[in-house]
C-alpha atoms as a PDB file:
ATOM      1  CA  MET A   1      19.959 -13.775 -36.245  1.00  0.00           C
ATOM      2  CA  PRO A   2      20.717 -12.175 -39.658  1.00  0.00           C
ATOM      3  CA  VAL A   3      17.688 -10.501 -41.401  1.00  0.00           C
ATOM      4  CA  LEU A   4      17.609  -9.918 -45.100  1.00  0.00           C
ATOM      5  CA  THR A   5      16.195  -6.494 -45.290  1.00  0.00           C
ATOM      6  CA  GLY A   6      13.430  -5.665 -47.802  1.00  0.00           C
ATOM      7  CA  PRO A   7       9.679  -5.933 -48.344  1.00  0.00           C
ATOM      8  CA  PRO A   8       9.220  -8.214 -46.372  1.00  0.00           C
ATOM      9  CA  PRO A   9      12.349  -8.894 -44.278  1.00  0.00           C
ATOM     10  CA  VAL A  10      13.442 -12.474 -44.157  1.00  0.00           C
ATOM     11  CA  GLU A  11      15.039 -13.990 -41.119  1.00  0.00           C
ATOM     12  CA  VAL A  12      17.761 -16.340 -41.972  1.00  0.00           C
ATOM     13  CA  HIS A  13      19.124 -19.156 -39.578  1.00  0.00           C
ATOM     14  CA  LEU A  14      22.911 -19.562 -39.788  1.00  0.00           C
ATOM     15  CA  LYS A  15      24.252 -23.059 -39.411  1.00  0.00           C
ATOM     16  CA  ARG A  16      27.968 -23.785 -39.065  1.00  0.00           C
ATOM     17  CA  VAL A  17      28.843 -27.202 -40.253  1.00  0.00           C
ATOM     18  CA  ALA A  18      32.428 -28.708 -39.806  1.00  0.00           C
ATOM     19  CA  ARG A  19      32.193 -30.749 -42.894  1.00  0.00           C
ATOM     20  CA  ALA A  20      30.677 -28.050 -45.051  1.00  0.00           C
ATOM     21  CA  ARG A  21      33.064 -26.766 -47.733  1.00  0.00           C
ATOM     22  CA  ARG A  22      30.773 -24.115 -49.312  1.00  0.00           C
ATOM     23  CA  PHE A  23      27.727 -22.057 -48.579  1.00  0.00           C
ATOM     24  CA  SER A  24      24.352 -23.330 -49.118  1.00  0.00           C
ATOM     25  CA  LEU A  25      20.903 -22.042 -48.830  1.00  0.00           C
ATOM     26  CA  ARG A  26      17.706 -24.100 -48.029  1.00  0.00           C
ATOM     27  CA  VAL A  27      14.103 -23.267 -47.606  1.00  0.00           C
ATOM     28  CA  SER A  28      11.908 -25.668 -45.601  1.00  0.00           C
ATOM     29  CA  ARG A  29       8.836 -26.814 -47.355  1.00  0.00           C
ATOM     30  CA  LEU A  30       7.162 -27.217 -44.130  1.00  0.00           C
ATOM     31  CA  ASP A  31       7.415 -23.880 -42.434  1.00  0.00           C
ATOM     32  CA  GLY A  32       9.294 -21.684 -44.859  1.00  0.00           C
ATOM     33  CA  LYS A  33      12.293 -21.588 -42.528  1.00  0.00           C
ATOM     34  CA  VAL A  34      15.328 -20.260 -44.246  1.00  0.00           C
ATOM     35  CA  THR A  35      18.729 -21.869 -43.369  1.00  0.00           C
ATOM     36  CA  LEU A  36      22.072 -20.797 -44.587  1.00  0.00           C
ATOM     37  CA  THR A  37      24.672 -23.562 -44.075  1.00  0.00           C
ATOM     38  CA  MET A  38      28.321 -22.357 -43.826  1.00  0.00           C
ATOM     39  CA  PRO A  39      31.912 -23.719 -43.258  1.00  0.00           C
ATOM     40  CA  LEU A  40      32.898 -23.846 -39.614  1.00  0.00           C
ATOM     41  CA  ARG A  41      35.528 -21.019 -39.951  1.00  0.00           C
ATOM     42  CA  ALA A  42      33.736 -18.924 -42.471  1.00  0.00           C
ATOM     43  CA  ARG A  43      33.055 -15.351 -41.641  1.00  0.00           C
ATOM     44  CA  GLU A  44      29.460 -14.165 -41.194  1.00  0.00           C
ATOM     45  CA  ALA A  45      30.217 -11.212 -43.582  1.00  0.00           C
ATOM     46  CA  GLU A  46      30.952 -13.827 -46.379  1.00  0.00           C
ATOM     47  CA  ALA A  47      27.736 -15.692 -45.509  1.00  0.00           C
ATOM     48  CA  MET A  48      25.715 -12.435 -45.854  1.00  0.00           C
ATOM     49  CA  ALA A  49      27.470 -11.652 -49.094  1.00  0.00           C
ATOM     50  CA  PHE A  50      26.473 -14.987 -50.486  1.00  0.00           C
ATOM     51  CA  LEU A  51      22.886 -14.513 -49.127  1.00  0.00           C
ATOM     52  CA  ARG A  52      22.518 -11.324 -50.929  1.00  0.00           C
ATOM     53  CA  GLY A  53      23.778 -12.879 -54.157  1.00  0.00           C
ATOM     54  CA  GLN A  54      20.911 -15.564 -53.849  1.00  0.00           C
ATOM     55  CA  GLU A  55      18.168 -12.899 -52.892  1.00  0.00           C
ATOM     56  CA  GLY A  56      16.415 -13.229 -56.135  1.00  0.00           C
ATOM     57  CA  TRP A  57      16.177 -16.993 -55.946  1.00  0.00           C
ATOM     58  CA  LEU A  58      15.328 -16.943 -52.267  1.00  0.00           C
ATOM     59  CA  ARG A  59      12.237 -14.513 -52.636  1.00  0.00           C
ATOM     60  CA  GLU A  60      11.010 -16.347 -55.697  1.00  0.00           C
ATOM     61  CA  THR A  61      11.104 -19.577 -53.777  1.00  0.00           C
ATOM     62  CA  LEU A  62       9.312 -18.121 -50.773  1.00  0.00           C
ATOM     63  CA  THR A  63       6.651 -16.406 -52.953  1.00  0.00           C
ATOM     64  CA  ALA A  64       5.985 -19.721 -54.711  1.00  0.00           C
ATOM     65  CA  MET A  65       5.512 -21.824 -51.681  1.00  0.00           C
ATOM     66  CA  PRO A  66       1.891 -22.926 -51.330  1.00  0.00           C
ATOM     67  CA  GLU A  67       0.068 -21.725 -48.199  1.00  0.00           C
ATOM     68  CA  ALA A  68      -2.537 -23.402 -46.381  1.00  0.00           C
ATOM     69  CA  ALA A  69      -5.950 -22.549 -47.564  1.00  0.00           C
ATOM     70  CA  PRO A  70      -7.626 -20.067 -45.342  1.00  0.00           C
ATOM     71  CA  SER A  71     -10.562 -21.205 -43.349  1.00  0.00           C
ATOM     72  CA  LEU A  72     -13.727 -19.057 -43.465  1.00  0.00           C
ATOM     73  CA  VAL A  73     -15.078 -18.304 -39.871  1.00  0.00           C
ATOM     74  CA  GLY A  74     -18.789 -19.117 -39.240  1.00  0.00           C
ATOM     75  CA  ILE A  75     -20.996 -20.760 -36.581  1.00  0.00           C
ATOM     76  CA  GLY A  76     -19.255 -24.002 -35.544  1.00  0.00           C
ATOM     77  CA  SER A  77     -15.752 -22.635 -36.222  1.00  0.00           C
ATOM     78  CA  VAL A  78     -12.995 -22.755 -33.702  1.00  0.00           C
ATOM     79  CA  VAL A  79     -11.331 -19.436 -33.131  1.00  0.00           C
ATOM     80  CA  PRO A  80      -8.554 -18.930 -30.684  1.00  0.00           C
ATOM     81  CA  VAL A  81      -9.017 -15.884 -28.214  1.00  0.00           C
ATOM     82  CA  GLU A  82      -6.300 -14.944 -26.006  1.00  0.00           C
ATOM     83  CA  GLY A  83      -4.769 -18.499 -26.475  1.00  0.00           C
ATOM     84  CA  ARG A  84      -8.058 -20.265 -25.882  1.00  0.00           C
ATOM     85  CA  ASP A  85      -9.916 -22.189 -28.490  1.00  0.00           C
ATOM     86  CA  LEU A  86     -13.510 -21.242 -28.581  1.00  0.00           C
ATOM     87  CA  ILE A  87     -16.342 -22.678 -30.575  1.00  0.00           C
ATOM     88  CA  LEU A  88     -18.450 -20.101 -32.315  1.00  0.00           C
ATOM     89  CA  ALA A  89     -22.160 -20.590 -31.581  1.00  0.00           C
ATOM     90  CA  SER A  90     -25.281 -18.435 -32.013  1.00  0.00           C
ATOM     91  CA  GLY A  91     -26.361 -16.413 -28.944  1.00  0.00           C
ATOM     92  CA  PRO A  92     -28.843 -14.128 -27.630  1.00  0.00           C
ATOM     93  CA  GLY A  93     -28.681 -10.276 -26.999  1.00  0.00           C
ATOM     94  CA  ARG A  94     -26.636  -7.862 -28.885  1.00  0.00           C
ATOM     95  CA  ALA A  95     -23.101  -8.390 -27.855  1.00  0.00           C
ATOM     96  CA  VAL A  96     -20.590 -11.144 -28.543  1.00  0.00           C
ATOM     97  CA  VAL A  97     -19.653 -12.844 -25.246  1.00  0.00           C
ATOM     98  CA  VAL A  98     -17.643 -15.805 -23.878  1.00  0.00           C
ATOM     99  CA  GLY A  99     -19.620 -18.525 -22.379  1.00  0.00           C
ATOM    100  CA  GLY A 100     -17.428 -21.247 -20.940  1.00  0.00           C
ATOM    101  CA  ASP A 101     -15.725 -22.924 -24.281  1.00  0.00           C
ATOM    102  CA  ARG A 102     -18.035 -21.095 -26.591  1.00  0.00           C
ATOM    103  CA  LEU A 103     -18.037 -17.671 -28.129  1.00  0.00           C
ATOM    104  CA  LEU A 104     -21.688 -16.672 -28.389  1.00  0.00           C
ATOM    105  CA  VAL A 105     -22.563 -14.491 -31.446  1.00  0.00           C
ATOM    106  CA  PRO A 106     -25.901 -12.889 -31.698  1.00  0.00           C
ATOM    107  CA  GLY A 107     -27.598 -11.836 -34.920  1.00  0.00           C
ATOM    108  CA  ASP A 108     -27.627 -13.361 -38.458  1.00  0.00           C
ATOM    109  CA  PRO A 109     -25.401 -16.440 -38.443  1.00  0.00           C
ATOM    110  CA  ALA A 110     -24.120 -15.509 -41.992  1.00  0.00           C
ATOM    111  CA  LEU A 111     -22.547 -12.380 -40.423  1.00  0.00           C
ATOM    112  CA  ALA A 112     -21.030 -14.293 -37.463  1.00  0.00           C
ATOM    113  CA  GLY A 113     -17.373 -13.936 -39.027  1.00  0.00           C
ATOM    114  CA  VAL A 114     -17.551 -10.227 -39.442  1.00  0.00           C
ATOM    115  CA  ARG A 115     -19.010  -9.674 -36.028  1.00  0.00           C
ATOM    116  CA  VAL A 116     -16.410 -11.783 -34.362  1.00  0.00           C
ATOM    117  CA  ALA A 117     -13.630  -9.875 -36.193  1.00  0.00           C
ATOM    118  CA  ALA A 118     -14.985  -6.618 -35.050  1.00  0.00           C
ATOM    119  CA  TRP A 119     -15.077  -7.817 -31.479  1.00  0.00           C
ATOM    120  CA  LEU A 120     -11.514  -9.123 -31.585  1.00  0.00           C
ATOM    121  CA  LYS A 121     -10.385  -5.859 -32.851  1.00  0.00           C
ATOM    122  CA  VAL A 122     -11.846  -3.957 -29.974  1.00  0.00           C
ATOM    123  CA  LEU A 123     -10.466  -6.478 -27.564  1.00  0.00           C
ATOM    124  CA  ALA A 124      -6.948  -6.266 -29.226  1.00  0.00           C
ATOM    125  CA  ARG A 125      -6.848  -2.452 -29.022  1.00  0.00           C
ATOM    126  CA  ASP A 126      -7.731  -2.756 -25.150  1.00  0.00           C
ATOM    127  CA  ARG A 127      -5.033  -5.325 -24.431  1.00  0.00           C
ATOM    128  CA  LEU A 128      -2.462  -3.629 -26.730  1.00  0.00           C
ATOM    129  CA  ALA A 129      -3.061  -0.165 -25.425  1.00  0.00           C
ATOM    130  CA  ALA A 130      -2.798  -1.345 -21.755  1.00  0.00           C
ATOM    131  CA  ALA A 131       0.359  -3.211 -22.393  1.00  0.00           C
ATOM    132  CA  SER A 132       1.953  -0.565 -24.475  1.00  0.00           C
ATOM    133  CA  THR A 133       1.115   2.181 -21.819  1.00  0.00           C
ATOM    134  CA  ARG A 134       2.537   0.012 -19.098  1.00  0.00           C
ATOM    135  CA  TYR A 135       5.760  -0.638 -20.832  1.00  0.00           C
ATOM    136  CA  ALA A 136       6.057   3.035 -21.960  1.00  0.00           C
ATOM    137  CA  GLY A 137       5.868   4.034 -18.306  1.00  0.00           C
ATOM    138  CA  LEU A 138       8.675   1.697 -17.296  1.00  0.00           C
ATOM    139  CA  VAL A 139      11.097   3.170 -19.772  1.00  0.00           C
ATOM    140  CA  GLY A 140      10.005   6.850 -19.241  1.00  0.00           C
ATOM    141  CA  ARG A 141       8.705   7.370 -22.714  1.00  0.00           C
ATOM    142  CA  ARG A 142       5.353   8.038 -24.377  1.00  0.00           C
ATOM    143  CA  TYR A 143       4.040   6.886 -27.807  1.00  0.00           C
ATOM    144  CA  SER A 144       2.069   9.212 -29.936  1.00  0.00           C
ATOM    145  CA  THR A 145      -0.574   6.960 -31.494  1.00  0.00           C
ATOM    146  CA  LEU A 146      -1.550   3.261 -31.617  1.00  0.00           C
ATOM    147  CA  ALA A 147      -3.034   1.711 -34.722  1.00  0.00           C
ATOM    148  CA  LEU A 148      -4.227  -1.730 -35.634  1.00  0.00           C
ATOM    149  CA  ARG A 149      -3.601  -3.306 -39.059  1.00  0.00           C
ATOM    150  CA  ASP A 150      -3.929  -6.870 -40.494  1.00  0.00           C
ATOM    151  CA  THR A 151      -0.386  -7.223 -41.659  1.00  0.00           C
ATOM    152  CA  ARG A 152       1.228 -10.459 -42.598  1.00  0.00           C
ATOM    153  CA  SER A 153       4.799  -9.395 -42.628  1.00  0.00           C
ATOM    154  CA  ARG A 154       5.134  -8.087 -39.083  1.00  0.00           C
ATOM    155  CA  TRP A 155       3.323  -8.251 -35.884  1.00  0.00           C
ATOM    156  CA  GLY A 156       4.168  -4.643 -34.915  1.00  0.00           C
ATOM    157  CA  SER A 157       6.180  -1.619 -35.521  1.00  0.00           C
ATOM    158  CA  CYS A 158       7.369   1.710 -34.029  1.00  0.00           C
ATOM    159  CA  SER A 159       8.023   4.662 -36.145  1.00  0.00           C
ATOM    160  CA  PRO A 160      10.736   7.300 -35.183  1.00  0.00           C
ATOM    161  CA  ASP A 161       7.878   9.773 -34.014  1.00  0.00           C
ATOM    162  CA  GLY A 162       6.466   7.258 -31.684  1.00  0.00           C
ATOM    163  CA  ARG A 163       3.632   5.810 -33.628  1.00  0.00           C
ATOM    164  CA  LEU A 164       3.027   2.223 -32.658  1.00  0.00           C
ATOM    165  CA  MET A 165       1.269  -0.299 -35.032  1.00  0.00           C
ATOM    166  CA  TYR A 166       0.168  -3.911 -34.383  1.00  0.00           C
ATOM    167  CA  SER A 167      -1.620  -6.553 -35.872  1.00  0.00           C
ATOM    168  CA  TRP A 168      -4.820  -7.027 -34.340  1.00  0.00           C
ATOM    169  CA  ARG A 169      -4.620 -10.994 -34.673  1.00  0.00           C
ATOM    170  CA  LEU A 170      -2.224 -10.726 -31.773  1.00  0.00           C
ATOM    171  CA  VAL A 171      -5.184 -10.970 -29.510  1.00  0.00           C
ATOM    172  CA  MET A 172      -5.762 -14.590 -30.651  1.00  0.00           C
ATOM    173  CA  ALA A 173      -2.423 -15.574 -29.403  1.00  0.00           C
ATOM    174  CA  PRO A 174      -1.586 -16.350 -25.778  1.00  0.00           C
ATOM    175  CA  PRO A 175      -1.588 -13.041 -23.599  1.00  0.00           C
ATOM    176  CA  ALA A 176       2.175 -13.495 -22.832  1.00  0.00           C
ATOM    177  CA  VAL A 177       2.696 -13.311 -26.625  1.00  0.00           C
ATOM    178  CA  LEU A 178       0.796 -10.102 -27.074  1.00  0.00           C
ATOM    179  CA  ASP A 179       2.679  -8.697 -24.111  1.00  0.00           C
ATOM    180  CA  TYR A 180       6.098  -9.569 -25.527  1.00  0.00           C
ATOM    181  CA  VAL A 181       5.231  -7.868 -28.908  1.00  0.00           C
ATOM    182  CA  ALA A 182       4.185  -4.693 -27.115  1.00  0.00           C
ATOM    183  CA  ALA A 183       7.460  -4.784 -25.109  1.00  0.00           C
ATOM    184  CA  HIS A 184       9.429  -5.238 -28.328  1.00  0.00           C
ATOM    185  CA  GLU A 185       7.836  -2.259 -29.959  1.00  0.00           C
ATOM    186  CA  VAL A 186       7.937  -0.080 -26.926  1.00  0.00           C
ATOM    187  CA  ALA A 187      11.602  -0.707 -26.547  1.00  0.00           C
ATOM    188  CA  HIS A 188      11.938   1.013 -29.987  1.00  0.00           C
ATOM    189  CA  LEU A 189      11.068   4.282 -28.102  1.00  0.00           C
ATOM    190  CA  VAL A 190      14.403   3.961 -26.409  1.00  0.00           C
ATOM    191  CA  GLU A 191      16.503   2.433 -29.200  1.00  0.00           C
ATOM    192  CA  MET A 192      15.335   2.619 -32.812  1.00  0.00           C
ATOM    193  CA  ASN A 193      17.379  -0.224 -33.932  1.00  0.00           C
ATOM    194  CA  HIS A 194      18.083  -3.880 -33.022  1.00  0.00           C
ATOM    195  CA  SER A 195      21.471  -3.396 -31.377  1.00  0.00           C
ATOM    196  CA  PRO A 196      22.621  -5.171 -28.271  1.00  0.00           C
ATOM    197  CA  ALA A 197      21.486  -2.135 -26.258  1.00  0.00           C
ATOM    198  CA  TYR A 198      17.951  -2.512 -27.806  1.00  0.00           C
ATOM    199  CA  TRP A 199      17.805  -6.087 -26.795  1.00  0.00           C
ATOM    200  CA  ALA A 200      18.813  -5.185 -23.296  1.00  0.00           C
ATOM    201  CA  VAL A 201      15.857  -2.820 -23.084  1.00  0.00           C
ATOM    202  CA  VAL A 202      13.531  -5.710 -24.320  1.00  0.00           C
ATOM    203  CA  ALA A 203      15.053  -8.120 -21.711  1.00  0.00           C
ATOM    204  CA  GLY A 204      14.535  -5.421 -18.990  1.00  0.00           C
ATOM    205  CA  LEU A 205      10.820  -5.054 -19.948  1.00  0.00           C
ATOM    206  CA  TYR A 206      10.135  -8.624 -20.725  1.00  0.00           C
ATOM    207  CA  PRO A 207      12.513 -11.149 -19.209  1.00  0.00           C
ATOM    208  CA  GLY A 208      12.495 -14.517 -21.065  1.00  0.00           C
ATOM    209  CA  TRP A 209      11.148 -12.965 -24.237  1.00  0.00           C
ATOM    210  CA  GLN A 210      12.791 -15.670 -26.434  1.00  0.00           C
ATOM    211  CA  ALA A 211       9.900 -18.266 -25.653  1.00  0.00           C
ATOM    212  CA  GLN A 212       7.268 -15.823 -26.939  1.00  0.00           C
ATOM    213  CA  ARG A 213       9.246 -14.918 -30.036  1.00  0.00           C
ATOM    214  CA  ALA A 214       9.608 -18.813 -30.549  1.00  0.00           C
ATOM    215  CA  TRP A 215       5.892 -19.275 -30.207  1.00  0.00           C
ATOM    216  CA  LEU A 216       5.150 -16.579 -32.887  1.00  0.00           C
ATOM    217  CA  ARG A 217       7.670 -18.256 -35.256  1.00  0.00           C
ATOM    218  CA  ALA A 218       6.220 -21.636 -34.763  1.00  0.00           C
ATOM    219  CA  HIS A 219       2.402 -20.899 -34.644  1.00  0.00           C
ATOM    220  CA  GLY A 220       1.934 -17.242 -35.988  1.00  0.00           C
ATOM    221  CA  GLN A 221       0.998 -18.237 -39.493  1.00  0.00           C
ATOM    222  CA  THR A 222      -1.971 -20.244 -38.086  1.00  0.00           C
ATOM    223  CA  LEU A 223      -3.571 -16.945 -36.878  1.00  0.00           C
ATOM    224  CA  HIS A 224      -3.600 -15.679 -40.558  1.00  0.00           C
ATOM    225  CA  ARG A 225      -5.319 -18.843 -41.881  1.00  0.00           C
ATOM    226  CA  LEU A 226      -8.579 -17.553 -40.477  1.00  0.00           C
ATOM    227  CA  ARG A 227     -10.843 -15.605 -42.852  1.00  0.00           C
ATOM    228  CA  PHE A 228     -13.517 -13.674 -41.297  1.00  0.00           C
ATOM    229  CA  GLN A 229     -15.432 -12.600 -44.495  1.00  0.00           C
ATOM    230  CA  ASP A 230     -15.739 -13.392 -48.061  1.00  0.00           C
END
């Protein structure tokens, strides 16, 4: 799938249509999906040239699209944890704990969102460090550091010197999704690109990765709609 580079990168779905006589670009108002329709026999290089010519319009359109209002997390809110929807409730003691279908949060209810975010970040580091270390061992490489951020443009990254970065919100997704992202970034320790050789490494680490990538595309934005503090 072509990607329009830049801050942020934009994935573009190419659609060849037999009846198309020219290139056209469309942005879905439902999910922001970008589709470039092209004549059946047109070359991809021509499509990319057209796309670059429309980059200004495309980015303005994406920026202007309304986003769903963020939801402030508090007692009674539903928060996904490793793919499970848990209801926040006041709890005893000093630690946030899972109790059945509830996430029990001790202390001042007004600070429940802040406490849950801190708990999620610790859980995310544990899960992502374990997955990254496991996959790095499989490819015979080592990463230098692992950091968590609250990024909207990407779920993870790997620098040339082996620094891994992940969005801590991945811990709210199903575990298989978190594992896929870890495999995706660790594969860059072998191939610092998105060449066929790179995707072969990803497939070796996580067969069937396409399903998890599709989940992120379909549901990833819902993880960003939760706001944990004012």
